């Protein structure tokens, strides 16, 4: 029963990953047409679902799925890369705007 629940959570996570990629593609297509509106991604939900599926899976008596399957679903998500890029670029943006405001002498 635990293995079935784990597989169901992994399936929901992979469906969310596919929908995130579709939404990212729609956002890119809109920007190419000149429309600045975005289609929202579902951030962190696929990673949480994969983590819950992995925990439940390894609590089951005979683990049936391999670990690479969980890692593949988690790493295939585009929202993960948006989160990582946002966390890495925020300090750089802050340093650049701080350097501009202090170097300006009016």
PDB file of N, CA and C in Angstrom:
ATOM      1  N   UNK A   1       0.820  -1.197   0.000  1.00  0.00           N
ATOM      2  CA  UNK A   1       0.000   0.000   0.000  1.00  0.00           C
ATOM      3  C   UNK A   1       0.865   1.264   0.000  1.00  0.00           C
ATOM      4  N   UNK A   2       1.953   1.242   0.761  1.00  0.00           N
ATOM      5  CA  UNK A   2       2.841   2.400   0.815  1.00  0.00           C
ATOM      6  C   UNK A   2       3.533   2.592  -0.535  1.00  0.00           C
ATOM      7  N   UNK A   3       3.898   1.489  -1.189  1.00  0.00           N
ATOM      8  CA  UNK A   3       4.550   1.585  -2.489  1.00  0.00           C
ATOM      9  C   UNK A   3       3.602   2.171  -3.533  1.00  0.00           C
ATOM     10  N   UNK A   4       2.328   1.851  -3.459  1.00  0.00           N
ATOM     11  CA  UNK A   4       1.343   2.391  -4.399  1.00  0.00           C
ATOM     12  C   UNK A   4       1.170   3.893  -4.175  1.00  0.00           C
ATOM     13  N   UNK A   5       1.122   4.310  -2.920  1.00  0.00           N
ATOM     14  CA  UNK A   5       1.010   5.724  -2.598  1.00  0.00           C
ATOM     15  C   UNK A   5       2.255   6.492  -3.061  1.00  0.00           C
ATOM     16  N   UNK A   6       3.405   5.876  -2.897  1.00  0.00           N
ATOM     17  CA  UNK A   6       4.643   6.481  -3.362  1.00  0.00           C
ATOM     18  C   UNK A   6       4.641   6.639  -4.883  1.00  0.00           C
ATOM     19  N   UNK A   7       4.209   5.623  -5.586  1.00  0.00           N
ATOM     20  CA  UNK A   7       4.141   5.695  -7.048  1.00  0.00           C
ATOM     21  C   UNK A   7       3.128   6.746  -7.499  1.00  0.00           C
ATOM     22  N   UNK A   8       2.028   6.874  -6.782  1.00  0.00           N
ATOM     23  CA  UNK A   8       1.032   7.887  -7.111  1.00  0.00           C
ATOM     24  C   UNK A   8       1.596   9.299  -6.906  1.00  0.00           C
ATOM     25  N   UNK A   9       2.309   9.519  -5.817  1.00  0.00           N
ATOM     26  CA  UNK A   9       2.930  10.814  -5.578  1.00  0.00           C
ATOM     27  C   UNK A   9       3.992  11.126  -6.636  1.00  0.00           C
ATOM     28  N   UNK A  10       4.756  10.129  -7.032  1.00  0.00           N
ATOM     29  CA  UNK A  10       5.760  10.332  -8.081  1.00  0.00           C
ATOM     30  C   UNK A  10       5.093  10.649  -9.418  1.00  0.00           C
ATOM     31  N   UNK A  11       3.971  10.022  -9.693  1.00  0.00           N
ATOM     32  CA  UNK A  11       3.224  10.326 -10.908  1.00  0.00           C
ATOM     33  C   UNK A  11       2.690  11.757 -10.880  1.00  0.00           C
ATOM     34  N   UNK A  12       2.161  12.192  -9.739  1.00  0.00           N
ATOM     35  CA  UNK A  12       1.690  13.575  -9.617  1.00  0.00           C
ATOM     36  C   UNK A  12       2.830  14.568  -9.783  1.00  0.00           C
ATOM     37  N   UNK A  13       3.991  14.221  -9.246  1.00  0.00           N
ATOM     38  CA  UNK A  13       5.152  15.095  -9.396  1.00  0.00           C
ATOM     39  C   UNK A  13       5.577  15.182 -10.860  1.00  0.00           C
ATOM     40  N   UNK A  14       5.587  14.060 -11.555  1.00  0.00           N
ATOM     41  CA  UNK A  14       5.992  14.085 -12.967  1.00  0.00           C
ATOM     42  C   UNK A  14       4.954  14.819 -13.818  1.00  0.00           C
ATOM     43  N   UNK A  15       3.672  14.714 -13.487  1.00  0.00           N
ATOM     44  CA  UNK A  15       2.650  15.470 -14.212  1.00  0.00           C
ATOM     45  C   UNK A  15       2.823  16.964 -13.977  1.00  0.00           C
ATOM     46  N   UNK A  16       3.177  17.350 -12.761  1.00  0.00           N
ATOM     47  CA  UNK A  16       3.424  18.756 -12.463  1.00  0.00           C
ATOM     48  C   UNK A  16       4.652  19.266 -13.211  1.00  0.00           C
ATOM     49  N   UNK A  17       5.669  18.429 -13.335  1.00  0.00           N
ATOM     50  CA  UNK A  17       6.869  18.811 -14.100  1.00  0.00           C
ATOM     51  C   UNK A  17       6.509  19.053 -15.564  1.00  0.00           C
ATOM     52  N   UNK A  18       5.715  18.184 -16.136  1.00  0.00           N
ATOM     53  CA  UNK A  18       5.295  18.349 -17.533  1.00  0.00           C
ATOM     54  C   UNK A  18       4.492  19.640 -17.694  1.00  0.00           C
ATOM     55  N   UNK A  19       3.578  19.912 -16.767  1.00  0.00           N
ATOM     56  CA  UNK A  19       2.796  21.145 -16.846  1.00  0.00           C
ATOM     57  C   UNK A  19       3.671  22.385 -16.677  1.00  0.00           C
ATOM     58  N   UNK A  20       4.689  22.309 -15.825  1.00  0.00           N
ATOM     59  CA  UNK A  20       5.607  23.439 -15.681  1.00  0.00           C
ATOM     60  C   UNK A  20       6.351  23.720 -16.982  1.00  0.00           C
ATOM     61  N   UNK A  21       6.769  22.672 -17.686  1.00  0.00           N
ATOM     62  CA  UNK A  21       7.454  22.863 -18.963  1.00  0.00           C
ATOM     63  C   UNK A  21       6.503  23.458 -20.007  1.00  0.00           C
ATOM     64  N   UNK A  22       5.254  23.030 -19.999  1.00  0.00           N
ATOM     65  CA  UNK A  22       4.267  23.590 -20.926  1.00  0.00           C
ATOM     66  C   UNK A  22       4.061  25.068 -20.624  1.00  0.00           C
ATOM     67  N   UNK A  23       3.949  25.417 -19.356  1.00  0.00           N
ATOM     68  CA  UNK A  23       3.743  26.816 -18.983  1.00  0.00           C
ATOM     69  C   UNK A  23       4.965  27.665 -19.312  1.00  0.00           C
ATOM     70  N   UNK A  24       6.163  27.129 -19.141  1.00  0.00           N
ATOM     71  CA  UNK A  24       7.374  27.862 -19.511  1.00  0.00           C
ATOM     72  C   UNK A  24       7.418  28.096 -21.013  1.00  0.00           C
ATOM     73  N   UNK A  25       7.024  27.107 -21.787  1.00  0.00           N
ATOM     74  CA  UNK A  25       6.964  27.268 -23.243  1.00  0.00           C
ATOM     75  C   UNK A  25       5.941  28.315 -23.665  1.00  0.00           C
ATOM     76  N   UNK A  26       4.798  28.353 -22.981  1.00  0.00           N
ATOM     77  CA  UNK A  26       3.796  29.363 -23.291  1.00  0.00           C
ATOM     78  C   UNK A  26       4.297  30.764 -22.962  1.00  0.00           C
ATOM     79  N   UNK A  27       5.033  30.898 -21.879  1.00  0.00           N
ATOM     80  CA  UNK A  27       5.590  32.198 -21.518  1.00  0.00           C
ATOM     81  C   UNK A  27       6.605  32.661 -22.556  1.00  0.00           C
ATOM     82  N   UNK A  28       7.453  31.764 -23.009  1.00  0.00           N
ATOM     83  CA  UNK A  28       8.442  32.111 -24.041  1.00  0.00           C
ATOM     84  C   UNK A  28       7.745  32.491 -25.343  1.00  0.00           C
ATOM     85  N   UNK A  29       6.711  31.757 -25.729  1.00  0.00           N
ATOM     86  CA  UNK A  29       5.985  32.080 -26.959  1.00  0.00           C
ATOM     87  C   UNK A  29       5.306  33.445 -26.850  1.00  0.00           C
ATOM     88  N   UNK A  30       4.765  33.761 -25.694  1.00  0.00           N
ATOM     89  CA  UNK A  30       4.140  35.077 -25.510  1.00  0.00           C
ATOM     90  C   UNK A  30       5.168  36.196 -25.583  1.00  0.00           C
ATOM     91  N   UNK A  31       6.324  35.984 -24.996  1.00  0.00           N
ATOM     92  CA  UNK A  31       7.358  37.022 -25.028  1.00  0.00           C
ATOM     93  C   UNK A  31       7.887  37.234 -26.445  1.00  0.00           C
ATOM     94  N   UNK A  32       7.952  36.181 -27.236  1.00  0.00           N
ATOM     95  CA  UNK A  32       8.391  36.335 -28.619  1.00  0.00           C
ATOM     96  C   UNK A  32       7.381  37.128 -29.442  1.00  0.00           C
ATOM     97  N   UNK A  33       6.116  37.052 -29.071  1.00  0.00           N
ATOM     98  CA  UNK A  33       5.077  37.826 -29.754  1.00  0.00           C
ATOM     99  C   UNK A  33       4.975  39.253 -29.232  1.00  0.00           C
ATOM    100  N   UNK A  34       5.729  39.568 -28.178  1.00  0.00           N
ATOM    101  CA  UNK A  34       5.708  40.917 -27.635  1.00  0.00           C
ATOM    102  C   UNK A  34       4.802  41.089 -26.440  1.00  0.00           C
ATOM    103  N   UNK A  35       4.144  40.057 -25.999  1.00  0.00           N
ATOM    104  CA  UNK A  35       3.261  40.116 -24.840  1.00  0.00           C
ATOM    105  C   UNK A  35       4.101  39.906 -23.584  1.00  0.00           C
ATOM    106  N   UNK A  36       4.015  40.786 -22.618  1.00  0.00           N
ATOM    107  CA  UNK A  36       4.844  40.696 -21.411  1.00  0.00           C
ATOM    108  C   UNK A  36       4.185  39.884 -20.299  1.00  0.00           C
ATOM    109  N   UNK A  37       2.970  39.393 -20.523  1.00  0.00           N
ATOM    110  CA  UNK A  37       2.328  38.575 -19.492  1.00  0.00           C
ATOM    111  C   UNK A  37       3.010  37.220 -19.398  1.00  0.00           C
ATOM    112  N   UNK A  38       2.979  36.636 -18.223  1.00  0.00           N
ATOM    113  CA  UNK A  38       3.591  35.327 -18.022  1.00  0.00           C
ATOM    114  C   UNK A  38       2.544  34.313 -17.602  1.00  0.00           C
ATOM    115  N   UNK A  39       2.856  33.052 -17.823  1.00  0.00           N
ATOM    116  CA  UNK A  39       2.047  31.952 -17.324  1.00  0.00           C
ATOM    117  C   UNK A  39       2.782  31.418 -16.103  1.00  0.00           C
ATOM    118  N   UNK A  40       2.100  31.378 -14.992  1.00  0.00           N
ATOM    119  CA  UNK A  40       2.747  31.068 -13.724  1.00  0.00           C
ATOM    120  C   UNK A  40       3.155  29.600 -13.634  1.00  0.00           C
ATOM    121  N   UNK A  41       4.336  29.374 -13.081  1.00  0.00           N
ATOM    122  CA  UNK A  41       4.808  28.022 -12.803  1.00  0.00           C
ATOM    123  C   UNK A  41       4.405  27.634 -11.392  1.00  0.00           C
ATOM    124  N   UNK A  42       4.414  26.341 -11.114  1.00  0.00           N
ATOM    125  CA  UNK A  42       4.161  25.843  -9.771  1.00  0.00           C
ATOM    126  C   UNK A  42       5.519  25.576  -9.144  1.00  0.00           C
ATOM    127  N   UNK A  43       5.963  26.504  -8.283  1.00  0.00           N
ATOM    128  CA  UNK A  43       7.295  26.405  -7.700  1.00  0.00           C
ATOM    129  C   UNK A  43       7.299  25.467  -6.497  1.00  0.00           C
ATOM    130  N   UNK A  44       8.330  24.668  -6.377  1.00  0.00           N
ATOM    131  CA  UNK A  44       8.660  23.803  -5.238  1.00  0.00           C
ATOM    132  C   UNK A  44       7.683  22.651  -5.011  1.00  0.00           C
ATOM    133  N   UNK A  45       6.531  22.648  -5.621  1.00  0.00           N
ATOM    134  CA  UNK A  45       5.574  21.566  -5.401  1.00  0.00           C
ATOM    135  C   UNK A  45       6.096  20.227  -5.946  1.00  0.00           C
ATOM    136  N   UNK A  46       6.680  20.182  -7.160  1.00  0.00           N
ATOM    137  CA  UNK A  46       7.198  18.890  -7.630  1.00  0.00           C
ATOM    138  C   UNK A  46       8.313  18.336  -6.745  1.00  0.00           C
ATOM    139  N   UNK A  47       9.183  19.224  -6.231  1.00  0.00           N
ATOM    140  CA  UNK A  47      10.259  18.744  -5.360  1.00  0.00           C
ATOM    141  C   UNK A  47       9.701  18.182  -4.056  1.00  0.00           C
ATOM    142  N   UNK A  48       8.675  18.830  -3.517  1.00  0.00           N
ATOM    143  CA  UNK A  48       8.060  18.330  -2.282  1.00  0.00           C
ATOM    144  C   UNK A  48       7.383  16.989  -2.534  1.00  0.00           C
ATOM    145  N   UNK A  49       6.697  16.865  -3.672  1.00  0.00           N
ATOM    146  CA  UNK A  49       6.034  15.592  -3.990  1.00  0.00           C
ATOM    147  C   UNK A  49       7.053  14.473  -4.212  1.00  0.00           C
ATOM    148  N   UNK A  50       8.169  14.778  -4.885  1.00  0.00           N
ATOM    149  CA  UNK A  50       9.202  13.758  -5.097  1.00  0.00           C
ATOM    150  C   UNK A  50       9.821  13.356  -3.776  1.00  0.00           C
ATOM    151  N   UNK A  51      10.069  14.325  -2.916  1.00  0.00           N
ATOM    152  CA  UNK A  51      10.646  14.022  -1.602  1.00  0.00           C
ATOM    153  C   UNK A  51       9.702  13.137  -0.787  1.00  0.00           C
ATOM    154  N   UNK A  52       8.402  13.469  -0.790  1.00  0.00           N
ATOM    155  CA  UNK A  52       7.433  12.643  -0.056  1.00  0.00           C
ATOM    156  C   UNK A  52       7.354  11.246  -0.654  1.00  0.00           C
ATOM    157  N   UNK A  53       7.398  11.151  -1.979  1.00  0.00           N
ATOM    158  CA  UNK A  53       7.353   9.841  -2.632  1.00  0.00           C
ATOM    159  C   UNK A  53       8.584   9.015  -2.287  1.00  0.00           C
ATOM    160  N   UNK A  54       9.750   9.658  -2.253  1.00  0.00           N
ATOM    161  CA  UNK A  54      10.977   8.924  -1.926  1.00  0.00           C
ATOM    162  C   UNK A  54      10.974   8.455  -0.476  1.00  0.00           C
ATOM    163  N   UNK A  55      10.510   9.289   0.426  1.00  0.00           N
ATOM    164  CA  UNK A  55      10.451   8.890   1.839  1.00  0.00           C
ATOM    165  C   UNK A  55       9.489   7.725   2.018  1.00  0.00           C
ATOM    166  N   UNK A  56       8.317   7.821   1.411  1.00  0.00           N
ATOM    167  CA  UNK A  56       7.359   6.719   1.526  1.00  0.00           C
ATOM    168  C   UNK A  56       7.879   5.456   0.847  1.00  0.00           C
ATOM    169  N   UNK A  57       8.553   5.632  -0.277  1.00  0.00           N
ATOM    170  CA  UNK A  57       9.048   4.470  -1.013  1.00  0.00           C
ATOM    171  C   UNK A  57      10.091   3.698  -0.208  1.00  0.00           C
ATOM    172  N   UNK A  58      10.984   4.421   0.424  1.00  0.00           N
ATOM    173  CA  UNK A  58      12.029   3.727   1.176  1.00  0.00           C
ATOM    174  C   UNK A  58      11.569   3.264   2.550  1.00  0.00           C
ATOM    175  N   UNK A  59      10.360   3.640   2.953  1.00  0.00           N
ATOM    176  CA  UNK A  59       9.761   3.071   4.164  1.00  0.00           C
ATOM    177  C   UNK A  59       9.024   1.766   3.851  1.00  0.00           C
ATOM    178  N   UNK A  60       8.715   1.556   2.577  1.00  0.00           N
ATOM    179  CA  UNK A  60       8.050   0.307   2.178  1.00  0.00           C
ATOM    180  C   UNK A  60       9.033  -0.847   2.334  1.00  0.00           C
ATOM    181  N   UNK A  61       8.495  -2.034   2.586  1.00  0.00           N
ATOM    182  CA  UNK A  61       9.360  -3.179   2.869  1.00  0.00           C
ATOM    183  C   UNK A  61      10.209  -3.573   1.671  1.00  0.00           C
ATOM    184  N   UNK A  62       9.643  -3.914   0.514  1.00  0.00           N
ATOM    185  CA  UNK A  62      10.535  -4.128  -0.641  1.00  0.00           C
ATOM    186  C   UNK A  62      10.499  -2.909  -1.565  1.00  0.00           C
ATOM    187  N   UNK A  63      11.528  -2.051  -1.544  1.00  0.00           N
ATOM    188  CA  UNK A  63      11.538  -0.917  -2.480  1.00  0.00           C
ATOM    189  C   UNK A  63      11.570  -1.424  -3.926  1.00  0.00           C
ATOM    190  N   UNK A  64      10.647  -0.943  -4.738  1.00  0.00           N
ATOM    191  CA  UNK A  64      10.529  -1.453  -6.101  1.00  0.00           C
ATOM    192  C   UNK A  64      11.075  -0.489  -7.149  1.00  0.00           C
ATOM    193  N   UNK A  65      11.081   0.800  -6.857  1.00  0.00           N
ATOM    194  CA  UNK A  65      11.569   1.782  -7.815  1.00  0.00           C
ATOM    195  C   UNK A  65      13.028   2.113  -7.519  1.00  0.00           C
ATOM    196  N   UNK A  66      13.764   2.486  -8.541  1.00  0.00           N
ATOM    197  CA  UNK A  66      15.165   2.824  -8.317  1.00  0.00           C
ATOM    198  C   UNK A  66      15.303   4.311  -7.974  1.00  0.00           C
ATOM    199  N   UNK A  67      16.410   4.658  -7.347  1.00  0.00           N
ATOM    200  CA  UNK A  67      16.625   6.027  -6.868  1.00  0.00           C
ATOM    201  C   UNK A  67      16.791   7.009  -8.021  1.00  0.00           C
ATOM    202  N   UNK A  68      17.307   6.569  -9.149  1.00  0.00           N
ATOM    203  CA  UNK A  68      17.509   7.488 -10.269  1.00  0.00           C
ATOM    204  C   UNK A  68      16.188   8.023 -10.799  1.00  0.00           C
ATOM    205  N   UNK A  69      15.106   7.285 -10.613  1.00  0.00           N
ATOM    206  CA  UNK A  69      13.798   7.738 -11.074  1.00  0.00           C
ATOM    207  C   UNK A  69      13.352   8.973 -10.295  1.00  0.00           C
ATOM    208  N   UNK A  70      13.565   8.962  -8.985  1.00  0.00           N
ATOM    209  CA  UNK A  70      13.213  10.119  -8.163  1.00  0.00           C
ATOM    210  C   UNK A  70      14.087  11.316  -8.527  1.00  0.00           C
ATOM    211  N   UNK A  71      15.371  11.083  -8.714  1.00  0.00           N
ATOM    212  CA  UNK A  71      16.294  12.169  -9.050  1.00  0.00           C
ATOM    213  C   UNK A  71      15.980  12.743 -10.433  1.00  0.00           C
ATOM    214  N   UNK A  72      15.602  11.908 -11.368  1.00  0.00           N
ATOM    215  CA  UNK A  72      15.290  12.374 -12.714  1.00  0.00           C
ATOM    216  C   UNK A  72      14.062  13.279 -12.708  1.00  0.00           C
ATOM    217  N   UNK A  73      13.038  12.886 -11.980  1.00  0.00           N
ATOM    218  CA  UNK A  73      11.826  13.712 -11.920  1.00  0.00           C
ATOM    219  C   UNK A  73      12.132  15.036 -11.227  1.00  0.00           C
ATOM    220  N   UNK A  74      12.905  15.006 -10.159  1.00  0.00           N
ATOM    221  CA  UNK A  74      13.221  16.240  -9.435  1.00  0.00           C
ATOM    222  C   UNK A  74      14.090  17.175 -10.261  1.00  0.00           C
ATOM    223  N   UNK A  75      15.054  16.644 -10.979  1.00  0.00           N
ATOM    224  CA  UNK A  75      15.963  17.485 -11.761  1.00  0.00           C
ATOM    225  C   UNK A  75      15.392  17.920 -13.095  1.00  0.00           C
ATOM    226  N   UNK A  76      14.328  17.304 -13.553  1.00  0.00           N
ATOM    227  CA  UNK A  76      13.731  17.660 -14.840  1.00  0.00           C
ATOM    228  C   UNK A  76      12.812  18.868 -14.734  1.00  0.00           C
ATOM    229  N   UNK A  77      12.565  19.358 -13.536  1.00  0.00           N
ATOM    230  CA  UNK A  77      11.611  20.439 -13.345  1.00  0.00           C
ATOM    231  C   UNK A  77      12.237  21.782 -13.666  1.00  0.00           C
ATOM    232  N   UNK A  78      11.568  22.576 -14.497  1.00  0.00           N
ATOM    233  CA  UNK A  78      12.070  23.890 -14.880  1.00  0.00           C
ATOM    234  C   UNK A  78      11.950  24.881 -13.732  1.00  0.00           C
ATOM    235  N   UNK A  79      10.994  24.714 -12.853  1.00  0.00           N
ATOM    236  CA  UNK A  79      10.852  25.655 -11.739  1.00  0.00           C
ATOM    237  C   UNK A  79      12.011  25.543 -10.758  1.00  0.00           C
ATOM    238  N   UNK A  80      12.638  24.381 -10.671  1.00  0.00           N
ATOM    239  CA  UNK A  80      13.821  24.225  -9.825  1.00  0.00           C
ATOM    240  C   UNK A  80      14.938  25.130 -10.326  1.00  0.00           C
ATOM    241  N   UNK A  81      15.125  25.183 -11.628  1.00  0.00           N
ATOM    242  CA  UNK A  81      16.171  26.023 -12.197  1.00  0.00           C
ATOM    243  C   UNK A  81      15.831  27.504 -12.069  1.00  0.00           C
ATOM    244  N   UNK A  82      14.551  27.844 -12.122  1.00  0.00           N
ATOM    245  CA  UNK A  82      14.143  29.232 -11.894  1.00  0.00           C
ATOM    246  C   UNK A  82      14.428  29.649 -10.453  1.00  0.00           C
ATOM    247  N   UNK A  83      14.179  28.766  -9.510  1.00  0.00           N
ATOM    248  CA  UNK A  83      14.451  29.064  -8.106  1.00  0.00           C
ATOM    249  C   UNK A  83      15.950  29.226  -7.881  1.00  0.00           C
ATOM    250  N   UNK A  84      16.743  28.313  -8.413  1.00  0.00           N
ATOM    251  CA  UNK A  84      18.199  28.381  -8.233  1.00  0.00           C
ATOM    252  C   UNK A  84      18.755  29.639  -8.898  1.00  0.00           C
ATOM    253  N   UNK A  85      18.301  29.955 -10.111  1.00  0.00           N
ATOM    254  CA  UNK A  85      18.768  31.153 -10.798  1.00  0.00           C
ATOM    255  C   UNK A  85      18.371  32.410 -10.030  1.00  0.00           C
ATOM    256  N   UNK A  86      17.171  32.427  -9.489  1.00  0.00           N
ATOM    257  CA  UNK A  86      16.725  33.581  -8.710  1.00  0.00           C
ATOM    258  C   UNK A  86      17.546  33.769  -7.445  1.00  0.00           C
ATOM    259  N   UNK A  87      17.865  32.666  -6.769  1.00  0.00           N
ATOM    260  CA  UNK A  87      18.663  32.766  -5.555  1.00  0.00           C
ATOM    261  C   UNK A  87      20.102  33.184  -5.841  1.00  0.00           C
ATOM    262  N   UNK A  88      20.640  32.742  -6.971  1.00  0.00           N
ATOM    263  CA  UNK A  88      22.010  33.120  -7.316  1.00  0.00           C
ATOM    264  C   UNK A  88      22.109  34.524  -7.891  1.00  0.00           C
ATOM    265  N   UNK A  89      21.094  34.971  -8.606  1.00  0.00           N
ATOM    266  CA  UNK A  89      21.177  36.278  -9.236  1.00  0.00           C
ATOM    267  C   UNK A  89      20.741  37.413  -8.323  1.00  0.00           C
ATOM    268  N   UNK A  90      20.020  37.148  -7.260  1.00  0.00           N
ATOM    269  CA  UNK A  90      19.562  38.218  -6.363  1.00  0.00           C
ATOM    270  C   UNK A  90      20.717  38.977  -5.717  1.00  0.00           C
ATOM    271  N   UNK A  91      21.735  38.313  -5.154  1.00  0.00           N
ATOM    272  CA  UNK A  91      22.843  39.092  -4.586  1.00  0.00           C
ATOM    273  C   UNK A  91      23.630  39.863  -5.647  1.00  0.00           C
ATOM    274  N   UNK A  92      23.753  39.308  -6.832  1.00  0.00           N
ATOM    275  CA  UNK A  92      24.475  39.996  -7.898  1.00  0.00           C
ATOM    276  C   UNK A  92      23.714  41.246  -8.318  1.00  0.00           C
ATOM    277  N   UNK A  93      22.391  41.127  -8.459  1.00  0.00           N
ATOM    278  CA  UNK A  93      21.577  42.295  -8.797  1.00  0.00           C
ATOM    279  C   UNK A  93      21.643  43.353  -7.705  1.00  0.00           C
ATOM    280  N   UNK A  94      21.631  42.914  -6.472  1.00  0.00           N
ATOM    281  CA  UNK A  94      21.698  43.859  -5.359  1.00  0.00           C
ATOM    282  C   UNK A  94      23.043  44.580  -5.338  1.00  0.00           C
ATOM    283  N   UNK A  95      24.117  43.859  -5.609  1.00  0.00           N
ATOM    284  CA  UNK A  95      25.430  44.495  -5.650  1.00  0.00           C
ATOM    285  C   UNK A  95      25.534  45.488  -6.808  1.00  0.00           C
ATOM    286  N   UNK A  96      24.961  45.142  -7.945  1.00  0.00           N
ATOM    287  CA  UNK A  96      25.014  46.045  -9.097  1.00  0.00           C
ATOM    288  C   UNK A  96      24.210  47.315  -8.855  1.00  0.00           C
ATOM    289  N   UNK A  97      23.024  47.192  -8.290  1.00  0.00           N
ATOM    290  CA  UNK A  97      22.224  48.389  -8.039  1.00  0.00           C
ATOM    291  C   UNK A  97      22.828  49.209  -6.906  1.00  0.00           C
ATOM    292  N   UNK A  98      23.457  48.568  -5.932  1.00  0.00           N
ATOM    293  CA  UNK A  98      24.123  49.303  -4.862  1.00  0.00           C
ATOM    294  C   UNK A  98      25.332  50.039  -5.372  1.00  0.00           C
ATOM    295  N   UNK A  99      26.077  49.442  -6.290  1.00  0.00           N
ATOM    296  CA  UNK A  99      27.256  50.082  -6.859  1.00  0.00           C
ATOM    297  C   UNK A  99      26.854  51.276  -7.716  1.00  0.00           C
ATOM    298  N   UNK A 100      25.748  51.191  -8.427  1.00  0.00           N
ATOM    299  CA  UNK A 100      25.286  52.306  -9.248  1.00  0.00           C
ATOM    300  C   UNK A 100      24.832  53.477  -8.390  1.00  0.00           C
ATOM    301  N   UNK A 101      24.133  53.193  -7.314  1.00  0.00           N
ATOM    302  CA  UNK A 101      23.598  54.285  -6.507  1.00  0.00           C
ATOM    303  C   UNK A 101      24.704  54.984  -5.716  1.00  0.00           C
ATOM    304  N   UNK A 102      25.764  54.299  -5.329  1.00  0.00           N
ATOM    305  CA  UNK A 102      26.840  54.940  -4.583  1.00  0.00           C
ATOM    306  C   UNK A 102      27.832  55.650  -5.491  1.00  0.00           C
ATOM    307  N   UNK A 103      27.967  55.221  -6.736  1.00  0.00           N
ATOM    308  CA  UNK A 103      28.931  55.846  -7.624  1.00  0.00           C
ATOM    309  C   UNK A 103      28.367  57.105  -8.295  1.00  0.00           C
ATOM    310  N   UNK A 104      27.115  57.323  -8.163  1.00  0.00           N
ATOM    311  CA  UNK A 104      26.468  58.479  -8.797  1.00  0.00           C
ATOM    312  C   UNK A 104      26.602  59.699  -7.883  1.00  0.00           C
ATOM    313  N   UNK A 105      27.223  60.735  -8.389  1.00  0.00           N
ATOM    314  CA  UNK A 105      27.429  61.956  -7.610  1.00  0.00           C
ATOM    315  C   UNK A 105      26.671  63.098  -8.269  1.00  0.00           C
ATOM    316  N   UNK A 106      25.541  63.453  -7.691  1.00  0.00           N
ATOM    317  CA  UNK A 106      24.754  64.565  -8.245  1.00  0.00           C
ATOM    318  C   UNK A 106      24.963  65.815  -7.462  1.00  0.00           C
TER     319      UNK A 106
END
